[in-house]
């Protein structure tokens, strides 16, 4: 078989065949096909049936339209998914913020009760006074006992209470092994 490009003014084509050829040019372009001629046993040249090419072109257009429709629906769903994802992230951030605030209020409330204070303002003032006294003691060089900063219960809350043994911290061997000397 050999490829044959048919010119528009070919005298061997009837007007009907020429019209069919022009209508199927879309298929020819899409599939990069050329109409094929071949010899029949009787010696006549036959061209690919034009109705088949039209059917292919029609099916191609139908599929392209269906594809465009589905792509449009997909884009809408993707935009909706993005909107929902953004809304979920905002709600998660809000939950995180509210939980952090709740823990702070709980912590401050327990601290107020432990200190015997009645308001948050009193607690904030007491914390400011403690911080100022601490900074002053450090700047004067009078603060040497670091164990006063962290109570044993705070080490326990960090899971370090079992590792902090006061006799070894102050002057003993940190390894707990007797020194040879």
N, C-alpha and C. Protein backbone atom coordinates (compact mmCIF):
# COMPACT_ATOMS: atom_id res chain seq x y z
N UNK A 1 0.85 -1.18 0.00
CA UNK A 1 0.00 0.00 0.00
C UNK A 1 0.89 1.23 0.00
N UNK A 2 0.43 2.25 -0.64
CA UNK A 2 1.18 3.50 -0.65
C UNK A 2 0.25 4.63 -0.25
N UNK A 3 0.81 5.65 0.35
CA UNK A 3 0.02 6.80 0.78
C UNK A 3 -0.21 7.73 -0.39
N UNK A 4 -1.39 8.31 -0.43
CA UNK A 4 -1.72 9.20 -1.54
C UNK A 4 -2.40 10.42 -0.97
N UNK A 5 -1.83 11.57 -1.17
CA UNK A 5 -2.47 12.82 -0.78
C UNK A 5 -3.31 13.27 -1.95
N UNK A 6 -4.59 13.48 -1.68
CA UNK A 6 -5.50 13.84 -2.77
C UNK A 6 -5.61 15.35 -2.90
N UNK A 7 -5.30 15.91 -4.04
CA UNK A 7 -5.48 17.34 -4.23
C UNK A 7 -6.96 17.65 -4.40
N UNK A 8 -7.36 18.85 -4.05
CA UNK A 8 -8.76 19.25 -4.10
C UNK A 8 -9.29 19.27 -5.53
N UNK A 9 -8.45 19.54 -6.52
CA UNK A 9 -8.93 19.66 -7.89
C UNK A 9 -8.71 18.38 -8.70
N UNK A 10 -8.55 17.25 -8.04
CA UNK A 10 -8.31 16.00 -8.75
C UNK A 10 -9.50 15.64 -9.62
N UNK A 11 -9.29 15.42 -10.95
CA UNK A 11 -10.40 15.10 -11.84
C UNK A 11 -10.95 13.70 -11.61
N UNK A 12 -10.17 12.82 -10.97
CA UNK A 12 -10.63 11.45 -10.79
C UNK A 12 -11.68 11.32 -9.69
N UNK A 13 -11.87 12.36 -8.90
CA UNK A 13 -12.86 12.32 -7.81
C UNK A 13 -14.14 12.98 -8.24
N UNK A 14 -15.20 12.38 -7.94
CA UNK A 14 -16.48 13.03 -8.20
C UNK A 14 -16.69 14.14 -7.18
N UNK A 15 -17.65 14.98 -7.43
CA UNK A 15 -17.93 16.07 -6.48
C UNK A 15 -18.33 15.51 -5.12
N UNK A 16 -19.07 14.44 -5.10
CA UNK A 16 -19.49 13.84 -3.84
C UNK A 16 -18.29 13.31 -3.06
N UNK A 17 -17.38 12.66 -3.76
CA UNK A 17 -16.18 12.14 -3.10
C UNK A 17 -15.31 13.28 -2.60
N UNK A 18 -15.22 14.37 -3.38
CA UNK A 18 -14.44 15.52 -2.96
C UNK A 18 -15.03 16.15 -1.70
N UNK A 19 -16.37 16.26 -1.66
CA UNK A 19 -17.04 16.81 -0.49
C UNK A 19 -16.79 15.92 0.74
N UNK A 20 -16.89 14.62 0.56
CA UNK A 20 -16.64 13.68 1.65
C UNK A 20 -15.19 13.79 2.11
N UNK A 21 -14.28 13.95 1.16
CA UNK A 21 -12.88 14.10 1.50
C UNK A 21 -12.65 15.34 2.36
N UNK A 22 -13.26 16.46 1.98
CA UNK A 22 -13.11 17.70 2.74
C UNK A 22 -13.70 17.55 4.14
N UNK A 23 -14.84 16.84 4.26
CA UNK A 23 -15.47 16.64 5.56
C UNK A 23 -14.62 15.77 6.48
N UNK A 24 -13.85 14.89 5.91
CA UNK A 24 -13.03 14.00 6.73
C UNK A 24 -11.62 14.54 6.96
N UNK A 25 -11.35 15.73 6.50
CA UNK A 25 -10.01 16.28 6.69
C UNK A 25 -9.68 16.42 8.18
N UNK A 26 -10.71 16.60 9.00
CA UNK A 26 -10.50 16.67 10.45
C UNK A 26 -9.88 15.38 10.95
N UNK A 27 -10.42 14.24 10.52
CA UNK A 27 -9.88 12.95 10.93
C UNK A 27 -8.47 12.79 10.42
N UNK A 28 -8.25 13.21 9.20
CA UNK A 28 -6.93 13.08 8.61
C UNK A 28 -5.92 13.87 9.44
N UNK A 29 -6.30 15.07 9.87
CA UNK A 29 -5.39 15.89 10.66
C UNK A 29 -5.16 15.29 12.04
N UNK A 30 -6.23 14.84 12.68
CA UNK A 30 -6.11 14.31 14.03
C UNK A 30 -5.23 13.07 14.06
N UNK A 31 -5.49 12.16 13.20
CA UNK A 31 -4.74 10.91 13.20
C UNK A 31 -3.52 10.93 12.29
N UNK A 32 -3.32 12.04 11.61
CA UNK A 32 -2.23 12.19 10.66
C UNK A 32 -2.26 11.04 9.63
N UNK A 33 -3.46 10.81 9.16
CA UNK A 33 -3.66 9.77 8.17
C UNK A 33 -3.76 10.38 6.78
N UNK A 34 -3.51 9.58 5.83
CA UNK A 34 -3.78 9.97 4.45
C UNK A 34 -4.66 8.88 3.86
N UNK A 35 -5.50 9.28 2.96
CA UNK A 35 -6.33 8.28 2.30
C UNK A 35 -5.43 7.35 1.50
N UNK A 36 -5.76 6.10 1.54
CA UNK A 36 -4.92 5.10 0.91
C UNK A 36 -5.64 4.57 -0.33
N UNK A 37 -4.91 4.46 -1.42
CA UNK A 37 -5.48 3.84 -2.63
C UNK A 37 -4.82 2.49 -2.82
N UNK A 38 -5.56 1.59 -3.33
CA UNK A 38 -5.00 0.27 -3.62
C UNK A 38 -5.73 -0.30 -4.83
N UNK A 39 -5.12 -1.26 -5.45
CA UNK A 39 -5.70 -1.87 -6.67
C UNK A 39 -6.56 -3.05 -6.28
N UNK A 40 -7.71 -3.13 -6.92
CA UNK A 40 -8.59 -4.28 -6.71
C UNK A 40 -8.24 -5.33 -7.75
N UNK A 41 -8.74 -6.53 -7.59
CA UNK A 41 -8.42 -7.57 -8.58
C UNK A 41 -8.84 -7.17 -9.99
N UNK A 42 -9.85 -6.32 -10.12
CA UNK A 42 -10.28 -5.91 -11.45
C UNK A 42 -9.43 -4.79 -12.02
N UNK A 43 -8.44 -4.32 -11.27
CA UNK A 43 -7.57 -3.27 -11.75
C UNK A 43 -8.05 -1.87 -11.43
N UNK A 44 -9.17 -1.71 -10.72
CA UNK A 44 -9.68 -0.38 -10.39
C UNK A 44 -9.05 0.10 -9.08
N UNK A 45 -8.85 1.37 -9.01
CA UNK A 45 -8.34 1.94 -7.76
C UNK A 45 -9.52 2.28 -6.87
N UNK A 46 -9.40 1.91 -5.59
CA UNK A 46 -10.46 2.16 -4.63
C UNK A 46 -9.90 3.01 -3.50
N UNK A 47 -10.69 3.95 -3.03
CA UNK A 47 -10.27 4.81 -1.92
C UNK A 47 -10.96 4.35 -0.64
N UNK A 48 -10.34 4.64 0.47
CA UNK A 48 -10.92 4.30 1.77
C UNK A 48 -12.32 4.87 1.84
N UNK A 49 -13.20 4.12 2.38
CA UNK A 49 -14.60 4.51 2.41
C UNK A 49 -14.78 5.79 3.24
N UNK A 50 -15.42 6.79 2.65
CA UNK A 50 -15.59 8.08 3.30
C UNK A 50 -16.55 8.02 4.48
N UNK A 51 -17.56 7.16 4.43
CA UNK A 51 -18.50 7.08 5.55
C UNK A 51 -17.81 6.58 6.81
N UNK A 52 -16.85 5.69 6.67
CA UNK A 52 -16.10 5.22 7.83
C UNK A 52 -15.29 6.36 8.44
N UNK A 53 -14.69 7.16 7.59
CA UNK A 53 -13.91 8.30 8.09
C UNK A 53 -14.80 9.29 8.80
N UNK A 54 -16.02 9.50 8.26
CA UNK A 54 -16.96 10.41 8.93
C UNK A 54 -17.36 9.86 10.30
N UNK A 55 -17.59 8.57 10.36
CA UNK A 55 -17.95 7.95 11.64
C UNK A 55 -16.83 8.13 12.67
N UNK A 56 -15.61 7.94 12.22
CA UNK A 56 -14.46 8.13 13.11
C UNK A 56 -14.39 9.57 13.58
N UNK A 57 -14.59 10.52 12.66
CA UNK A 57 -14.54 11.94 13.02
C UNK A 57 -15.65 12.29 14.00
N UNK A 58 -16.84 11.76 13.75
CA UNK A 58 -17.97 12.04 14.64
C UNK A 58 -17.71 11.47 16.04
N UNK A 59 -17.18 10.26 16.10
CA UNK A 59 -16.87 9.64 17.39
C UNK A 59 -15.76 10.41 18.11
N UNK A 60 -14.79 10.87 17.34
CA UNK A 60 -13.69 11.66 17.91
C UNK A 60 -14.24 12.94 18.54
N UNK A 61 -15.13 13.64 17.83
CA UNK A 61 -15.71 14.88 18.37
C UNK A 61 -16.55 14.58 19.62
N UNK A 62 -17.33 13.48 19.59
CA UNK A 62 -18.14 13.11 20.74
C UNK A 62 -17.26 12.84 21.96
N UNK A 63 -16.19 12.12 21.75
CA UNK A 63 -15.28 11.81 22.86
C UNK A 63 -14.59 13.06 23.39
N UNK A 64 -14.20 13.97 22.48
CA UNK A 64 -13.58 15.22 22.92
C UNK A 64 -14.55 16.06 23.74
N UNK A 65 -15.82 16.11 23.32
CA UNK A 65 -16.82 16.86 24.08
C UNK A 65 -17.06 16.23 25.44
N UNK A 66 -17.14 14.89 25.48
CA UNK A 66 -17.32 14.20 26.76
C UNK A 66 -16.11 14.42 27.67
N UNK A 67 -14.92 14.39 27.09
CA UNK A 67 -13.70 14.62 27.86
C UNK A 67 -13.69 16.04 28.43
N UNK A 68 -14.06 17.02 27.61
CA UNK A 68 -14.10 18.41 28.08
C UNK A 68 -15.10 18.57 29.21
N UNK A 69 -16.25 17.91 29.09
CA UNK A 69 -17.28 17.99 30.14
C UNK A 69 -16.75 17.39 31.45
N UNK A 70 -16.15 16.22 31.36
CA UNK A 70 -15.62 15.55 32.56
C UNK A 70 -14.47 16.35 33.16
N UNK A 71 -13.61 16.92 32.32
CA UNK A 71 -12.53 17.77 32.83
C UNK A 71 -13.08 18.97 33.57
N UNK A 72 -14.15 19.57 33.05
CA UNK A 72 -14.79 20.70 33.73
C UNK A 72 -15.34 20.29 35.08
N UNK A 73 -16.01 19.14 35.13
CA UNK A 73 -16.53 18.64 36.41
C UNK A 73 -15.39 18.35 37.38
N UNK A 74 -14.30 17.78 36.85
CA UNK A 74 -13.14 17.49 37.68
C UNK A 74 -12.55 18.77 38.28
N UNK A 75 -12.44 19.81 37.47
CA UNK A 75 -11.90 21.08 37.95
C UNK A 75 -12.79 21.67 39.05
N UNK A 76 -14.11 21.56 38.88
CA UNK A 76 -15.02 22.04 39.92
C UNK A 76 -14.84 21.25 41.21
N UNK A 77 -14.73 19.94 41.09
CA UNK A 77 -14.52 19.11 42.28
C UNK A 77 -13.18 19.42 42.94
N UNK A 78 -12.17 19.66 42.13
CA UNK A 78 -10.86 19.99 42.68
C UNK A 78 -10.91 21.32 43.42
N UNK A 79 -11.61 22.30 42.87
CA UNK A 79 -11.75 23.59 43.55
C UNK A 79 -12.52 23.42 44.85
N UNK A 80 -13.57 22.61 44.83
CA UNK A 80 -14.35 22.35 46.05
C UNK A 80 -13.49 21.62 47.08
N UNK A 81 -12.69 20.67 46.63
CA UNK A 81 -11.79 19.95 47.53
C UNK A 81 -10.78 20.90 48.16
N UNK A 82 -10.24 21.81 47.38
CA UNK A 82 -9.29 22.79 47.91
C UNK A 82 -9.96 23.68 48.94
N UNK A 83 -11.19 24.11 48.65
CA UNK A 83 -11.92 24.95 49.59
C UNK A 83 -12.17 24.20 50.89
N UNK A 84 -12.59 22.94 50.79
CA UNK A 84 -12.85 22.14 51.99
C UNK A 84 -11.56 21.92 52.77
N UNK A 85 -10.47 21.64 52.06
CA UNK A 85 -9.17 21.43 52.72
C UNK A 85 -8.73 22.69 53.47
N UNK A 86 -8.90 23.85 52.83
CA UNK A 86 -8.55 25.11 53.49
C UNK A 86 -9.41 25.35 54.72
N UNK A 87 -10.70 25.04 54.61
CA UNK A 87 -11.61 25.21 55.74
C UNK A 87 -11.24 24.25 56.88
N UNK A 88 -10.86 23.02 56.53
CA UNK A 88 -10.43 22.06 57.55
C UNK A 88 -9.16 22.55 58.26
N UNK A 89 -8.21 23.09 57.50
CA UNK A 89 -6.99 23.62 58.11
C UNK A 89 -7.29 24.77 59.05
N UNK A 90 -8.22 25.64 58.66
CA UNK A 90 -8.60 26.77 59.52
C UNK A 90 -9.24 26.27 60.81
N UNK A 91 -10.11 25.27 60.71
CA UNK A 91 -10.76 24.71 61.91
C UNK A 91 -9.75 24.01 62.80
N UNK A 92 -8.79 23.31 62.20
CA UNK A 92 -7.75 22.65 62.99
C UNK A 92 -6.90 23.68 63.73
N UNK A 93 -6.57 24.77 63.07
CA UNK A 93 -5.81 25.84 63.73
C UNK A 93 -6.62 26.44 64.87
N UNK A 94 -7.93 26.60 64.66
CA UNK A 94 -8.80 27.14 65.71
C UNK A 94 -8.86 26.17 66.90
N UNK A 95 -8.98 24.88 66.64
CA UNK A 95 -9.00 23.89 67.72
C UNK A 95 -7.69 23.93 68.49
N UNK A 96 -6.58 23.99 67.78
CA UNK A 96 -5.26 24.04 68.43
C UNK A 96 -5.14 25.28 69.32
N UNK A 97 -5.57 26.42 68.79
CA UNK A 97 -5.50 27.66 69.56
C UNK A 97 -6.38 27.57 70.81
N UNK A 98 -7.59 27.05 70.68
CA UNK A 98 -8.50 26.94 71.83
C UNK A 98 -7.95 25.97 72.88
N UNK A 99 -7.36 24.88 72.44
CA UNK A 99 -6.77 23.93 73.40
C UNK A 99 -5.60 24.56 74.15
N UNK A 100 -4.78 25.31 73.42
CA UNK A 100 -3.65 25.99 74.07
C UNK A 100 -4.16 27.00 75.09
N UNK A 101 -5.20 27.76 74.73
CA UNK A 101 -5.77 28.73 75.67
C UNK A 101 -6.36 28.02 76.88
N UNK A 102 -7.05 26.89 76.65
CA UNK A 102 -7.65 26.15 77.76
C UNK A 102 -6.56 25.65 78.71
N UNK A 103 -5.45 25.13 78.17
CA UNK A 103 -4.35 24.66 79.02
C UNK A 103 -3.74 25.82 79.80
N UNK A 104 -3.61 26.99 79.18
CA UNK A 104 -3.06 28.15 79.88
C UNK A 104 -3.98 28.58 81.02
N UNK A 105 -5.28 28.62 80.75
CA UNK A 105 -6.23 29.02 81.80
C UNK A 105 -6.19 28.01 82.93
N UNK A 106 -6.12 26.74 82.59
CA UNK A 106 -6.06 25.70 83.61
C UNK A 106 -4.79 25.84 84.44
N UNK A 107 -3.67 26.05 83.78
CA UNK A 107 -2.39 26.19 84.47
C UNK A 107 -2.38 27.44 85.35
N UNK A 108 -2.86 28.54 84.79
CA UNK A 108 -2.89 29.79 85.57
C UNK A 108 -3.85 29.65 86.76
N UNK A 109 -4.99 28.98 86.53
CA UNK A 109 -5.96 28.79 87.62
C UNK A 109 -5.37 27.97 88.75
N UNK A 110 -4.67 26.89 88.41
CA UNK A 110 -4.03 26.08 89.45
C UNK A 110 -2.94 26.86 90.17
N UNK A 111 -2.19 27.65 89.41
CA UNK A 111 -1.14 28.48 90.01
C UNK A 111 -1.75 29.51 90.96
N UNK A 112 -2.88 30.09 90.55
CA UNK A 112 -3.57 31.06 91.42
C UNK A 112 -4.01 30.40 92.72
N UNK A 113 -4.60 29.23 92.62
CA UNK A 113 -5.07 28.52 93.81
C UNK A 113 -3.90 28.14 94.71
N UNK A 114 -2.81 27.67 94.11
CA UNK A 114 -1.64 27.28 94.89
C UNK A 114 -1.05 28.48 95.64
N UNK A 115 -1.07 29.64 95.03
CA UNK A 115 -0.52 30.84 95.65
C UNK A 115 -1.53 31.57 96.53
N UNK A 116 -2.78 31.18 96.47
CA UNK A 116 -3.81 31.83 97.27
C UNK A 116 -4.22 33.19 96.72
N UNK A 117 -4.13 33.36 95.40
CA UNK A 117 -4.50 34.63 94.78
C UNK A 117 -5.93 34.53 94.25
N UNK A 118 -6.55 35.70 94.06
CA UNK A 118 -7.95 35.73 93.65
C UNK A 118 -8.16 36.08 92.18
N UNK A 119 -7.22 36.77 91.56
CA UNK A 119 -7.42 37.20 90.17
C UNK A 119 -6.18 36.91 89.33
N UNK A 120 -6.39 36.92 88.04
CA UNK A 120 -5.28 36.74 87.09
C UNK A 120 -4.32 37.92 87.20
N UNK A 121 -4.85 39.11 87.42
CA UNK A 121 -4.00 40.29 87.55
C UNK A 121 -3.03 40.13 88.72
N UNK A 122 -3.53 39.61 89.84
CA UNK A 122 -2.65 39.38 91.00
C UNK A 122 -1.57 38.36 90.65
N UNK A 123 -1.95 37.31 89.92
CA UNK A 123 -0.99 36.29 89.51
C UNK A 123 0.07 36.88 88.59
N UNK A 124 -0.34 37.67 87.61
CA UNK A 124 0.61 38.29 86.69
C UNK A 124 1.57 39.21 87.43
N UNK A 125 1.06 39.96 88.40
CA UNK A 125 1.92 40.85 89.19
C UNK A 125 2.92 40.03 90.01
N UNK A 126 2.46 38.93 90.61
CA UNK A 126 3.36 38.08 91.40
C UNK A 126 4.45 37.49 90.50
N UNK A 127 4.08 37.07 89.29
CA UNK A 127 5.08 36.52 88.36
C UNK A 127 6.08 37.59 87.93
N UNK A 128 5.61 38.81 87.71
CA UNK A 128 6.53 39.91 87.36
C UNK A 128 7.50 40.18 88.50
N UNK A 129 6.97 40.19 89.73
CA UNK A 129 7.83 40.43 90.90
C UNK A 129 8.88 39.33 91.03
N UNK A 130 8.49 38.08 90.83
CA UNK A 130 9.44 36.97 90.92
C UNK A 130 10.52 37.08 89.85
N UNK A 131 10.12 37.40 88.62
CA UNK A 131 11.09 37.54 87.54
C UNK A 131 12.06 38.69 87.81
N UNK A 132 11.53 39.80 88.32
CA UNK A 132 12.40 40.95 88.64
C UNK A 132 13.38 40.58 89.74
N UNK A 133 12.91 39.89 90.78
CA UNK A 133 13.80 39.48 91.87
C UNK A 133 14.85 38.49 91.37
N UNK A 134 14.47 37.60 90.51
CA UNK A 134 15.40 36.62 89.95
C UNK A 134 16.48 37.32 89.12
N UNK A 135 16.07 38.23 88.24
CA UNK A 135 17.03 38.96 87.41
C UNK A 135 17.97 39.81 88.27
N UNK A 136 17.44 40.40 89.32
CA UNK A 136 18.27 41.21 90.21
C UNK A 136 19.28 40.33 90.93
N UNK A 137 18.87 39.17 91.41
CA UNK A 137 19.78 38.26 92.11
C UNK A 137 20.89 37.78 91.18
N UNK A 138 20.55 37.53 89.94
CA UNK A 138 21.57 37.09 88.98
C UNK A 138 22.54 38.23 88.68
N UNK A 139 22.01 39.43 88.47
CA UNK A 139 22.88 40.56 88.14
C UNK A 139 23.78 40.94 89.31
N UNK A 140 23.33 40.74 90.53
CA UNK A 140 24.16 41.04 91.70
C UNK A 140 25.11 39.91 92.03
N UNK A 141 24.90 38.77 91.43
CA UNK A 141 25.77 37.63 91.69
C UNK A 141 25.44 36.91 92.99
N UNK A 142 24.30 37.16 93.55
CA UNK A 142 23.93 36.54 94.82
C UNK A 142 23.15 35.25 94.65
N UNK A 143 22.80 34.93 93.46
CA UNK A 143 22.01 33.72 93.23
C UNK A 143 22.95 32.59 92.82
N UNK A 144 23.05 31.56 93.67
CA UNK A 144 23.94 30.44 93.39
C UNK A 144 23.23 29.09 93.42
N UNK A 145 22.12 29.01 94.07
CA UNK A 145 21.43 27.74 94.25
C UNK A 145 20.44 27.51 93.12
N UNK A 146 20.87 26.84 92.07
CA UNK A 146 20.01 26.61 90.92
C UNK A 146 18.90 25.60 91.23
N UNK A 147 19.06 24.81 92.26
CA UNK A 147 18.02 23.83 92.58
C UNK A 147 16.76 24.52 93.08
N UNK A 148 16.88 25.76 93.53
CA UNK A 148 15.70 26.49 93.97
C UNK A 148 14.80 26.86 92.79
N UNK A 149 15.39 26.94 91.60
CA UNK A 149 14.60 27.29 90.42
C UNK A 149 13.68 26.14 90.04
N UNK A 150 14.25 24.95 90.04
CA UNK A 150 13.49 23.78 89.62
C UNK A 150 13.27 22.89 90.83
N UNK A 151 12.04 22.74 91.21
CA UNK A 151 11.70 21.88 92.33
C UNK A 151 11.74 20.43 91.87
N UNK A 152 11.85 19.52 92.83
CA UNK A 152 11.90 18.10 92.49
C UNK A 152 10.65 17.67 91.73
N UNK A 153 9.49 18.21 92.08
CA UNK A 153 8.25 17.82 91.40
C UNK A 153 8.28 18.22 89.93
N UNK A 154 8.98 19.31 89.60
CA UNK A 154 9.09 19.71 88.20
C UNK A 154 9.98 18.74 87.42
N UNK A 155 11.05 18.25 88.06
CA UNK A 155 11.88 17.24 87.41
C UNK A 155 11.06 15.98 87.17
N UNK A 156 10.22 15.63 88.17
CA UNK A 156 9.37 14.44 88.03
C UNK A 156 8.40 14.60 86.87
N UNK A 157 7.83 15.80 86.69
CA UNK A 157 6.87 16.01 85.61
C UNK A 157 7.53 15.91 84.24
N UNK A 158 8.84 16.14 84.19
CA UNK A 158 9.58 15.99 82.94
C UNK A 158 10.07 14.56 82.73
N UNK A 159 9.83 13.71 83.74
CA UNK A 159 10.29 12.34 83.65
C UNK A 159 11.75 12.20 84.00
N UNK A 160 12.33 13.21 84.68
CA UNK A 160 13.75 13.19 85.02
C UNK A 160 14.00 13.01 86.51
N UNK A 161 12.94 12.91 87.31
CA UNK A 161 13.09 12.82 88.76
C UNK A 161 13.92 11.64 89.19
N UNK A 162 13.81 10.52 88.52
CA UNK A 162 14.58 9.34 88.89
C UNK A 162 16.06 9.49 88.56
N UNK A 163 16.40 10.40 87.65
CA UNK A 163 17.80 10.60 87.28
C UNK A 163 18.48 11.70 88.10
N UNK A 164 17.68 12.54 88.74
CA UNK A 164 18.24 13.63 89.54
C UNK A 164 18.28 13.16 90.99
N UNK A 165 19.46 12.91 91.48
CA UNK A 165 19.63 12.45 92.86
C UNK A 165 20.38 13.55 93.60
N UNK A 166 19.71 14.29 94.49
CA UNK A 166 20.33 15.45 95.14
C UNK A 166 21.70 15.20 95.75
N UNK A 167 22.01 14.07 96.39
CA UNK A 167 23.37 13.91 96.94
C UNK A 167 24.44 13.94 95.85
N UNK A 168 24.16 13.42 94.68
CA UNK A 168 25.17 13.41 93.63
C UNK A 168 25.27 14.75 92.92
N UNK A 169 24.20 15.53 92.92
CA UNK A 169 24.22 16.81 92.23
C UNK A 169 25.10 17.79 92.98
N UNK A 170 25.04 17.78 94.30
CA UNK A 170 25.72 18.80 95.08
C UNK A 170 27.21 18.59 95.17
N UNK A 171 27.71 17.39 95.38
CA UNK A 171 29.15 17.29 95.53
C UNK A 171 29.67 15.90 95.33
N UNK A 172 28.82 14.95 95.13
CA UNK A 172 29.26 13.58 94.98
C UNK A 172 29.62 13.27 93.55
N UNK A 173 29.91 12.03 93.32
CA UNK A 173 30.24 11.57 91.98
C UNK A 173 28.95 11.41 91.19
N UNK A 174 28.94 11.96 90.01
CA UNK A 174 27.74 11.88 89.20
C UNK A 174 27.52 10.47 88.66
N UNK A 175 28.56 9.67 88.59
CA UNK A 175 28.41 8.31 88.08
C UNK A 175 28.01 7.34 89.17
N UNK A 176 28.16 7.75 90.43
CA UNK A 176 27.82 6.89 91.55
C UNK A 176 28.90 5.87 91.85
N UNK A 177 30.05 5.97 91.19
CA UNK A 177 31.16 5.05 91.40
C UNK A 177 32.18 5.74 92.30
N UNK A 178 32.70 5.02 93.26
CA UNK A 178 33.69 5.61 94.17
C UNK A 178 34.95 5.98 93.40
N UNK A 179 35.51 7.13 93.77
CA UNK A 179 36.71 7.59 93.09
C UNK A 179 37.93 6.96 93.73
N UNK A 180 38.92 6.63 92.93
CA UNK A 180 40.17 6.07 93.43
C UNK A 180 41.21 7.17 93.40
N UNK A 181 41.95 7.27 94.44
CA UNK A 181 42.88 8.35 94.31
C UNK A 181 43.93 8.37 95.22
